[in-house]
Protein backbone atom coordinates (compact mmCIF):
# COMPACT_ATOMS: atom_id res chain seq x y z
CA MET A 1 -5.38 -16.74 8.29
CA HIS A 2 -8.62 -16.35 10.22
CA THR A 3 -12.15 -15.52 9.08
CA LEU A 4 -14.68 -12.92 10.12
CA ALA A 5 -17.11 -15.74 10.83
CA GLN A 6 -14.69 -17.28 13.31
CA LEU A 7 -14.21 -13.91 14.98
CA ARG A 8 -17.93 -13.24 15.31
CA SER A 9 -18.71 -16.72 16.61
CA GLY A 10 -16.29 -16.31 19.52
CA GLU A 11 -14.17 -19.20 18.26
CA LEU A 12 -11.00 -17.06 18.40
CA LYS A 13 -11.33 -16.09 22.06
CA GLY A 14 -7.93 -16.19 23.79
CA ILE A 15 -5.72 -16.00 20.68
CA LYS A 16 -2.56 -13.89 20.65
CA ARG A 17 -2.37 -13.31 16.90
CA LEU A 18 -5.17 -12.39 14.51
CA THR A 19 -4.78 -12.29 10.72
CA LEU A 20 -7.86 -11.18 8.83
CA SER A 21 -8.16 -10.31 5.13
CA GLU A 22 -11.71 -10.15 3.75
CA ASN A 23 -11.91 -6.81 1.93
CA LEU A 24 -12.87 -5.14 5.19
CA THR A 25 -13.99 -1.52 4.86
CA SER A 26 -14.36 -0.96 8.60
CA PHE A 27 -12.62 -2.21 11.71
CA PRO A 28 -14.55 -5.20 13.17
CA GLU A 29 -15.65 -4.26 16.69
CA GLU A 30 -15.47 -7.92 17.69
CA ILE A 31 -11.67 -7.60 17.73
CA PHE A 32 -12.00 -5.73 21.02
CA GLU A 33 -13.34 -8.93 22.59
CA LEU A 34 -9.80 -10.32 22.18
CA ALA A 35 -8.26 -7.43 24.13
CA ASP A 36 -7.11 -9.53 27.07
CA THR A 37 -4.79 -11.67 24.93
CA LEU A 38 -4.25 -10.12 21.47
CA GLU A 39 -0.61 -9.16 20.86
CA ILE A 40 -0.28 -9.26 17.06
CA LEU A 41 -2.95 -7.81 14.76
CA ASP A 42 -2.58 -8.20 10.98
CA LEU A 43 -5.30 -6.54 8.93
CA SER A 44 -3.23 -6.26 5.75
CA HIS A 45 -4.83 -6.60 2.31
CA ASN A 46 -8.16 -5.01 3.14
CA LEU A 47 -9.93 -1.75 2.25
CA LEU A 48 -9.52 0.05 5.55
CA SER A 49 -9.00 3.81 5.73
CA SER A 50 -9.41 4.47 9.46
CA LEU A 51 -9.23 2.86 12.90
CA PRO A 52 -11.37 3.38 16.00
CA GLU A 53 -10.22 6.25 18.21
CA ASP A 54 -10.21 3.87 21.16
CA ILE A 55 -7.80 1.36 19.55
CA SER A 56 -5.88 1.48 22.86
CA ARG A 57 -8.57 -0.81 24.29
CA LEU A 58 -6.35 -3.54 22.83
CA ILE A 59 -4.27 -3.31 25.98
CA LYS A 60 -1.73 -6.01 25.07
CA LEU A 61 -1.18 -5.04 21.44
CA LYS A 62 2.51 -5.20 20.51
CA ILE A 63 2.56 -5.53 16.71
CA ALA A 64 0.08 -4.12 14.17
CA PHE A 65 0.14 -4.51 10.38
CA PHE A 66 -2.12 -2.62 7.97
CA SER A 67 -0.24 -3.05 4.67
CA ASN A 68 -2.12 -2.75 1.37
CA ASN A 69 -5.09 -0.81 2.65
CA ARG A 70 -6.42 2.69 1.89
CA PHE A 71 -5.15 4.82 4.76
CA ILE A 72 -4.32 8.41 3.85
CA ALA A 73 -3.06 9.31 7.33
CA VAL A 74 -1.16 7.49 10.08
CA PRO A 75 -3.81 6.79 12.76
CA SER A 76 -3.18 7.66 16.39
CA PHE A 77 -1.76 4.89 18.56
CA LYS A 78 -0.55 7.27 21.24
CA LYS A 79 -2.18 5.38 24.12
CA CYS A 80 -1.07 1.90 22.96
CA GLU A 81 1.72 1.75 25.48
CA HIS A 82 2.98 -1.76 24.56
CA LEU A 83 2.97 -1.27 20.78
CA TYR A 84 6.51 -1.57 19.41
CA MET A 85 5.98 -2.46 15.74
CA VAL A 86 3.59 -0.87 13.29
CA GLY A 87 3.40 -1.26 9.50
CA PHE A 88 1.48 0.67 6.84
CA LYS A 89 3.32 -0.47 3.72
CA SER A 90 1.61 0.28 0.38
CA ASN A 91 -1.20 2.54 1.46
CA GLN A 92 -1.89 6.10 0.29
CA ILE A 93 -0.58 7.91 3.36
CA GLU A 94 0.07 11.62 2.89
CA THR A 95 -0.31 12.78 6.48
CA PHE A 96 1.77 11.86 9.53
CA ASP A 97 0.68 14.13 12.36
CA GLU A 98 2.66 15.04 15.45
CA GLU A 99 2.43 12.84 18.54
CA VAL A 100 0.43 9.95 17.06
CA LEU A 101 2.88 7.19 18.00
CA PRO A 102 3.76 5.95 21.50
CA ASP A 103 7.35 6.19 22.76
CA SER A 104 7.46 2.37 22.77
CA ILE A 105 7.80 2.13 18.96
CA SER A 106 11.01 0.41 17.84
CA TRP A 107 10.00 -0.69 14.31
CA LEU A 108 8.14 1.60 11.91
CA ILE A 109 7.22 0.62 8.33
CA LEU A 110 5.83 3.28 5.99
CA THR A 111 7.24 1.98 2.71
CA ASP A 112 5.46 2.87 -0.55
CA ASN A 113 3.18 5.74 0.46
CA ARG A 114 2.86 9.43 -0.40
CA LEU A 115 4.53 11.14 2.55
CA THR A 116 6.28 14.42 1.81
CA CYS A 117 7.53 15.02 5.35
CA LEU A 118 7.84 13.46 8.79
CA PRO A 119 6.63 14.95 12.08
CA ARG A 120 9.20 16.60 14.34
CA SER A 121 7.92 14.39 17.15
CA ILE A 122 9.58 11.38 15.53
CA GLY A 123 12.66 12.55 17.43
CA ARG A 124 10.93 11.51 20.65
CA LEU A 125 10.91 7.86 19.61
CA ASN A 126 14.08 7.06 21.51
CA LYS A 127 13.51 3.31 21.18
CA LEU A 128 13.24 3.43 17.38
CA GLN A 129 15.63 0.88 15.86
CA LYS A 130 14.21 0.19 12.41
CA CYS A 131 12.55 2.74 10.14
CA ALA A 132 11.44 1.90 6.59
CA LEU A 133 10.52 4.93 4.49
CA ALA A 134 11.44 3.89 0.93
CA GLY A 135 9.07 4.81 -1.89
CA ASN A 136 7.63 8.07 -0.58
CA LEU A 137 7.95 11.75 -1.56
CA ILE A 138 10.01 12.90 1.42
CA GLU A 139 12.12 15.99 0.68
CA ARG A 140 14.01 16.31 3.95
CA LEU A 141 14.35 14.62 7.32
CA PRO A 142 13.49 16.64 10.43
CA ASP A 143 16.57 17.62 12.45
CA GLU A 144 14.78 16.29 15.55
CA MET A 145 15.38 12.80 14.17
CA ALA A 146 18.99 13.18 15.30
CA SER A 147 17.65 12.31 18.76
CA CYS A 148 16.78 8.76 17.61
CA ARG A 149 20.02 7.50 19.08
CA ASN A 150 19.00 3.83 18.93
CA LEU A 151 18.23 3.89 15.21
CA GLU A 152 20.07 1.02 13.49
CA LEU A 153 18.34 0.46 10.14
CA LEU A 154 17.04 3.27 7.93
CA ARG A 155 15.54 2.90 4.45
CA LEU A 156 15.30 6.19 2.54
CA SER A 157 15.53 5.05 -1.09
CA ALA A 158 13.17 6.26 -3.80
CA ASN A 159 12.21 9.58 -2.19
CA ARG A 160 12.89 13.24 -3.02
CA LEU A 161 15.65 13.97 -0.52
CA GLN A 162 17.77 16.95 -1.48
CA GLU A 163 20.53 16.03 0.97
CA ILE A 164 21.63 13.45 3.50
CA PRO A 165 21.75 15.43 6.77
CA ALA A 166 25.11 15.53 8.55
CA TRP A 167 23.61 14.43 11.86
CA LEU A 168 22.85 11.05 10.32
CA TRP A 169 26.57 10.21 10.12
CA ASN A 170 26.87 10.60 13.88
CA LEU A 171 24.02 8.32 14.96
CA PRO A 172 25.92 5.92 17.25
CA LYS A 173 24.14 2.73 16.22
CA LEU A 174 23.18 3.28 12.57
CA SER A 175 24.42 0.25 10.62
CA TRP A 176 22.14 -0.43 7.65
CA LEU A 177 21.37 2.56 5.45
CA ALA A 178 19.82 2.80 1.96
CA PHE A 179 19.33 6.09 0.11
CA SER A 180 19.50 5.38 -3.65
CA GLY A 181 16.96 6.94 -6.00
CA ASN A 182 16.95 10.44 -4.48
CA PRO A 183 17.94 13.79 -6.02
CA CYS A 184 20.91 13.84 -3.64
CA SER A 185 22.06 10.35 -4.66
CA VAL A 186 25.14 9.82 -6.79
CA ASN A 187 23.66 8.41 -9.97
CA LEU A 188 26.38 6.47 -11.75
CA GLN A 189 25.37 4.46 -14.81
CA TYR A 190 27.09 1.22 -15.76
CA THR A 191 26.78 -0.79 -18.93
CA LEU A 192 26.97 -4.55 -19.28
CA GLN A 193 26.79 -7.07 -22.06
CA GLU A 194 23.16 -7.83 -22.92
CA MET A 195 21.59 -11.14 -23.77
CA ALA A 196 18.15 -12.24 -24.89
CA TYR A 197 15.86 -14.04 -22.48
CA GLU A 198 15.32 -16.64 -25.22
CA SER A 199 19.01 -17.59 -25.07
CA LEU A 200 18.42 -18.98 -21.57
CA GLU A 201 16.92 -22.32 -20.61
CA VAL A 202 15.24 -21.36 -17.34
CA LYS A 203 15.00 -24.16 -14.77
CA GLU A 204 13.93 -24.36 -11.13
CA LYS A 205 13.56 -21.43 -8.77
CA LEU A 206 16.48 -21.14 -6.35
CA GLY A 207 15.06 -18.52 -4.06
CA SER A 208 13.07 -15.32 -3.57
CA GLY A 209 13.78 -11.98 -1.98
CA ALA A 210 12.24 -8.55 -1.53
CA SER A 211 13.23 -7.45 -5.01
CA GLY A 212 12.77 -10.58 -7.11
CA ASP A 213 13.19 -14.28 -7.78
CA ILE A 214 16.35 -16.20 -8.67
CA TYR A 215 16.28 -19.16 -11.04
CA LYS A 216 18.80 -21.70 -12.18
CA ALA A 217 19.30 -21.49 -15.93
CA TYR A 218 21.54 -22.68 -18.75
CA SER A 219 23.11 -19.94 -20.83
CA LYS A 220 23.65 -20.93 -24.43
CA PRO A 221 26.06 -18.03 -25.12
CA HIS A 222 28.11 -18.77 -21.99
CA LYS A 223 27.68 -22.54 -22.41
CA GLU A 224 27.30 -22.98 -18.67
CA GLU A 225 24.81 -22.99 -15.84
CA VAL A 226 24.00 -19.53 -14.53
CA ALA A 227 21.64 -17.85 -12.08
CA LEU A 228 18.92 -15.59 -13.45
CA LYS A 229 17.60 -12.84 -11.19
CA LEU A 230 14.23 -11.49 -12.35
CA PHE A 231 13.02 -8.35 -10.60
CA LYS A 232 9.41 -8.21 -9.47
CA GLY A 233 8.72 -4.59 -10.37
CA SER A 234 10.04 -1.08 -10.65
CA ILE A 235 10.08 -0.45 -6.88
CA THR A 236 10.83 -2.74 -3.95
CA SER A 237 10.94 -2.40 -0.17
CA ASP A 238 14.55 -1.21 -0.54
CA GLY A 239 14.14 1.11 -3.52
CA TYR A 240 14.04 1.07 -7.32
CA ALA A 241 14.84 -2.17 -9.14
CA HIS A 242 16.96 -0.37 -11.73
CA ASP A 243 19.13 1.07 -8.92
CA GLU A 244 19.74 -2.45 -7.62
CA MET A 245 20.62 -3.62 -11.13
CA ASN A 246 23.04 -0.73 -11.53
CA ALA A 247 24.68 -1.56 -8.19
CA TYR A 248 25.18 -5.17 -9.25
CA MET A 249 26.71 -4.06 -12.55
CA SER A 250 29.17 -1.78 -10.75
CA THR A 251 30.68 -4.34 -8.41
CA GLY A 252 33.50 -5.54 -10.64
CA GLU A 253 35.25 -8.81 -9.85
CA HIS A 254 36.19 -10.00 -6.39
CA PRO A 255 36.57 -13.56 -5.00
CA ASN A 256 33.90 -12.88 -2.36
CA LEU A 257 31.33 -11.30 -4.70
CA ILE A 258 29.08 -13.19 -7.13
CA LYS A 259 30.14 -12.38 -10.67
CA VAL A 260 27.62 -10.51 -12.83
CA LEU A 261 27.74 -11.88 -16.38
CA SER A 262 25.16 -9.90 -18.35
CA LYS A 263 21.75 -8.27 -18.25
CA LEU A 264 18.61 -9.10 -20.16
CA GLN A 265 17.97 -7.15 -23.31
CA ALA A 266 15.42 -4.40 -22.78
CA ASP A 267 11.91 -5.84 -22.75
CA GLU A 268 9.16 -6.08 -20.17
CA ARG A 269 11.48 -8.07 -17.89
CA LEU A 270 14.19 -6.61 -15.68
CA GLY A 271 16.83 -9.25 -15.12
CA LEU A 272 20.49 -10.05 -14.54
CA VAL A 273 22.49 -13.16 -15.37
CA LEU A 274 24.81 -14.07 -12.52
CA GLU A 275 27.45 -16.66 -11.81
CA TYR A 276 25.77 -19.87 -10.59
CA ILE A 277 26.71 -20.72 -7.02
CA PRO A 278 26.39 -24.49 -6.40
CA ASN A 279 24.20 -25.76 -3.58
CA VAL A 280 27.22 -26.69 -1.47
CA TYR A 281 26.91 -23.06 -0.39
CA ARG A 282 24.27 -22.19 2.21
CA ASN A 283 23.08 -19.06 3.95
CA LEU A 284 25.27 -18.10 6.87
CA GLY A 285 22.27 -16.85 8.85
CA LEU A 286 18.54 -16.16 8.76
CA PRO A 287 16.80 -12.75 8.65
CA PRO A 288 15.80 -10.87 11.81
CA ASP A 289 12.48 -11.75 13.43
CA PHE A 290 9.98 -9.80 15.51
CA GLU A 291 12.05 -10.26 18.66
CA THR A 292 15.52 -9.48 17.31
CA CYS A 293 14.25 -6.53 15.20
CA THR A 294 17.52 -5.57 13.49
CA ARG A 295 19.72 -8.54 14.30
CA ASP A 296 19.95 -11.79 12.35
CA THR A 297 18.72 -15.13 13.62
CA PHE A 298 20.35 -18.54 13.23
CA GLU A 299 19.15 -22.10 13.07
CA MET A 300 18.89 -23.88 16.39
CA GLY A 301 22.16 -25.53 17.36
CA VAL A 302 24.38 -23.58 14.95
CA ILE A 303 27.90 -22.93 16.23
CA PHE A 304 30.86 -21.16 14.65
CA THR A 305 34.51 -21.95 15.27
CA THR A 306 36.99 -19.11 15.55
CA GLU A 307 38.52 -20.33 12.28
CA THR A 308 35.18 -19.99 10.47
CA ILE A 309 34.53 -16.53 11.93
CA LEU A 310 38.02 -15.42 10.94
CA GLU A 311 37.62 -16.59 7.33
CA VAL A 312 34.21 -14.93 7.04
CA ALA A 313 35.58 -11.72 8.54
CA LYS A 314 38.53 -11.65 6.14
CA GLY A 315 36.39 -12.37 3.08
CA ILE A 316 33.57 -9.94 3.86
CA ALA A 317 35.90 -7.13 4.98
CA SER A 318 37.86 -7.53 1.75
CA ALA A 319 34.68 -7.47 -0.36
CA ALA A 320 33.36 -4.43 1.53
CA ALA A 321 36.68 -2.59 1.09
CA HIS A 322 36.46 -3.33 -2.65
CA LEU A 323 32.91 -1.94 -2.83
CA HIS A 324 33.61 1.19 -0.81
CA ALA A 325 36.67 1.95 -2.92
CA ARG A 326 34.16 2.19 -5.76
CA GLY A 327 31.85 4.45 -3.75
CA LEU A 328 29.24 1.75 -3.18
CA MET A 329 27.59 1.05 0.16
CA HIS A 330 26.02 -2.41 0.39
CA GLY A 331 23.36 -1.26 2.86
CA ASP A 332 22.33 -4.75 3.95
CA LEU A 333 25.52 -6.37 5.26
CA TYR A 334 24.02 -9.29 7.16
CA ALA A 335 24.70 -12.99 7.71
CA HIS A 336 21.49 -13.84 5.81
CA ASN A 337 22.98 -12.18 2.72
CA ILE A 338 26.18 -14.22 2.91
CA LEU A 339 26.66 -17.67 1.38
CA ILE A 340 29.27 -20.03 2.82
CA ASN A 341 30.56 -23.52 2.06
CA ASP A 342 32.24 -26.17 4.20
CA ASN A 343 35.65 -24.71 3.37
CA ASN A 344 34.60 -21.37 4.86
CA HIS A 345 34.63 -19.57 1.53
CA CYS A 346 31.87 -16.97 1.43
CA TYR A 347 30.05 -14.64 -0.95
CA LEU A 348 28.35 -11.37 -0.09
CA GLY A 349 25.14 -11.04 -2.12
CA ASP A 350 21.86 -9.11 -2.48
CA PHE A 351 22.43 -5.50 -3.49
CA GLY A 352 18.82 -4.37 -3.10
CA ALA A 353 19.73 -1.74 -0.50
CA ALA A 354 22.99 -0.60 -2.12
CA SER A 355 23.67 3.12 -2.62
CA PHE A 356 26.35 5.07 -4.47
CA TYR A 357 28.17 7.92 -2.74
CA GLU A 358 31.21 10.09 -3.33
CA PRO A 359 34.14 7.76 -2.48
CA HIS A 360 35.87 10.30 -0.24
CA ARG A 361 32.90 10.41 2.13
CA LYS A 362 34.22 7.88 4.63
CA GLU A 363 31.27 8.61 6.95
CA PHE A 364 29.17 6.20 4.89
CA GLU A 365 31.76 3.46 5.14
CA ARG A 366 31.95 3.80 8.92
CA ILE A 367 28.19 3.26 9.12
CA GLU A 368 28.63 -0.06 7.29
CA VAL A 369 31.60 -0.94 9.49
CA ARG A 370 29.17 -1.12 12.40
CA ALA A 371 27.06 -3.62 10.43
CA PHE A 372 30.23 -5.68 10.06
CA GLY A 373 30.74 -5.39 13.81
CA CYS A 374 27.21 -6.72 14.38
CA LEU A 375 28.01 -9.66 12.09
CA LEU A 376 31.10 -10.46 14.17
CA ASP A 377 29.11 -10.03 17.38
CA ASP A 378 26.42 -12.46 16.21
CA MET A 379 28.93 -15.10 15.15
CA LEU A 380 31.09 -14.73 18.26
CA SER A 381 27.99 -15.23 20.42
CA LEU A 382 27.63 -18.67 18.79
CA CYS A 383 31.28 -19.61 19.26
CA PRO A 384 31.65 -22.28 21.98
CA SER A 385 35.28 -21.35 22.71
CA LYS A 386 35.67 -17.92 24.26
CA GLU A 387 39.44 -17.93 24.50
CA GLY A 388 42.57 -17.91 22.39
CA ASN A 389 44.38 -15.28 20.32
CA ILE A 390 42.01 -15.46 17.35
CA TYR A 391 38.92 -15.05 19.54
CA GLU A 392 40.44 -12.10 21.39
CA MET A 393 41.49 -10.43 18.15
CA LEU A 394 38.01 -10.83 16.66
CA LYS A 395 36.38 -9.62 19.85
CA GLN A 396 38.57 -6.52 19.89
CA LEU A 397 37.82 -5.83 16.21
CA LYS A 398 34.11 -6.20 16.89
CA GLU A 399 34.31 -3.63 19.68
CA GLN A 400 36.23 -1.21 17.47
CA CYS A 401 33.66 -1.57 14.69
CA MET A 402 30.76 -0.95 17.08
CA ASN A 403 32.38 2.05 18.75
CA GLU A 404 29.64 4.63 19.30
CA HIS A 405 32.17 7.35 18.48
CA VAL A 406 31.71 6.82 14.77
CA GLU A 407 34.86 8.63 13.67
CA GLU A 408 37.01 6.20 15.71
CA ARG A 409 35.88 3.10 13.81
CA PRO A 410 38.40 1.55 11.41
CA LEU A 411 37.77 1.54 7.66
CA PHE A 412 37.53 -1.86 6.00
CA SER A 413 40.88 -1.34 4.28
CA GLU A 414 42.52 -0.65 7.67
CA MET A 415 41.45 -3.93 9.27
CA ILE A 416 44.30 -6.32 9.99
CA PHE A 417 43.70 -10.06 10.38
């Protein structure tokens, strides 16, 4: 975090990244003095409602964040030819005019705004890979968006969509899709045994995610250690918290899914009590970063044997087949949402982006099959041995799952290991 005083004194000359949050109501002109080097600009958590018309003077700008401000319209970045990531999460944006974004955009974040529609010109963003639109008022997607052939991740939850357009099923690279909380969504309701928060002895925090925090706890009714997931609020970056809770409650039992034990009795807290997974399990991967955009990252030096990749593939494909048989799309099938132990047993977790659909609509499953192919691709890239029957089989499966002719991809239940 930098300060306005540092900026004005010239102390920040030559920096590549500027983060400034001081209740700014106007764009500091001194930022233009950093134009020769500035690549990442983060002016989130201010009171901004507009940007200078000549923002393109920041000639090296690649990434720009303006979350939690007061914008009511997406500003024009048309002449920012190197800009590939822009974020306006949690503003008050109602207007998204035609031709305000450069063709270089690959990552667009407009979560939690007031948009009712998207411009037709979004179809010209042929480099767009990641588009986050959850928590708006969007009623339909423009047909021109079918031209976004590189789109891989799309968040549409908590909008007013009347239908999922058919062209979406044919996008050759779409892998991670969320669309719960819309009029067109299948809205199944599941019940689960309830328990009082007071019946839990809450201990240390185990982790945090977009939708909430997970704690270790002791359940007096269950007489065992459990995990307590407390949701942060009614809406998250992936959609509504109650939709995520409902997805968890629908999963049933499977050896590669974390068992859901009960939910908290209705009070001001939204929470689920889950099976406790001991710390011998670790995350298989790490989330994407600015450079990988849609693809997971991994700790330096991590390698995977063909045996490990095979066991992960078998477990996750089986869990995904189980979910899709119930008409549930995970929506976030990634290595960073998988836990694994030294015996190669794994769990698929985090249902924040999950969506229900009519089970016979296999088009949704084939979208998620590509996500599974990306998982195999990532792990195979970190396998030191590129030979042998197992490697060749996994490589061939990966290619089938990532087939750009969507209808030719196998379903999870058809995969043979």
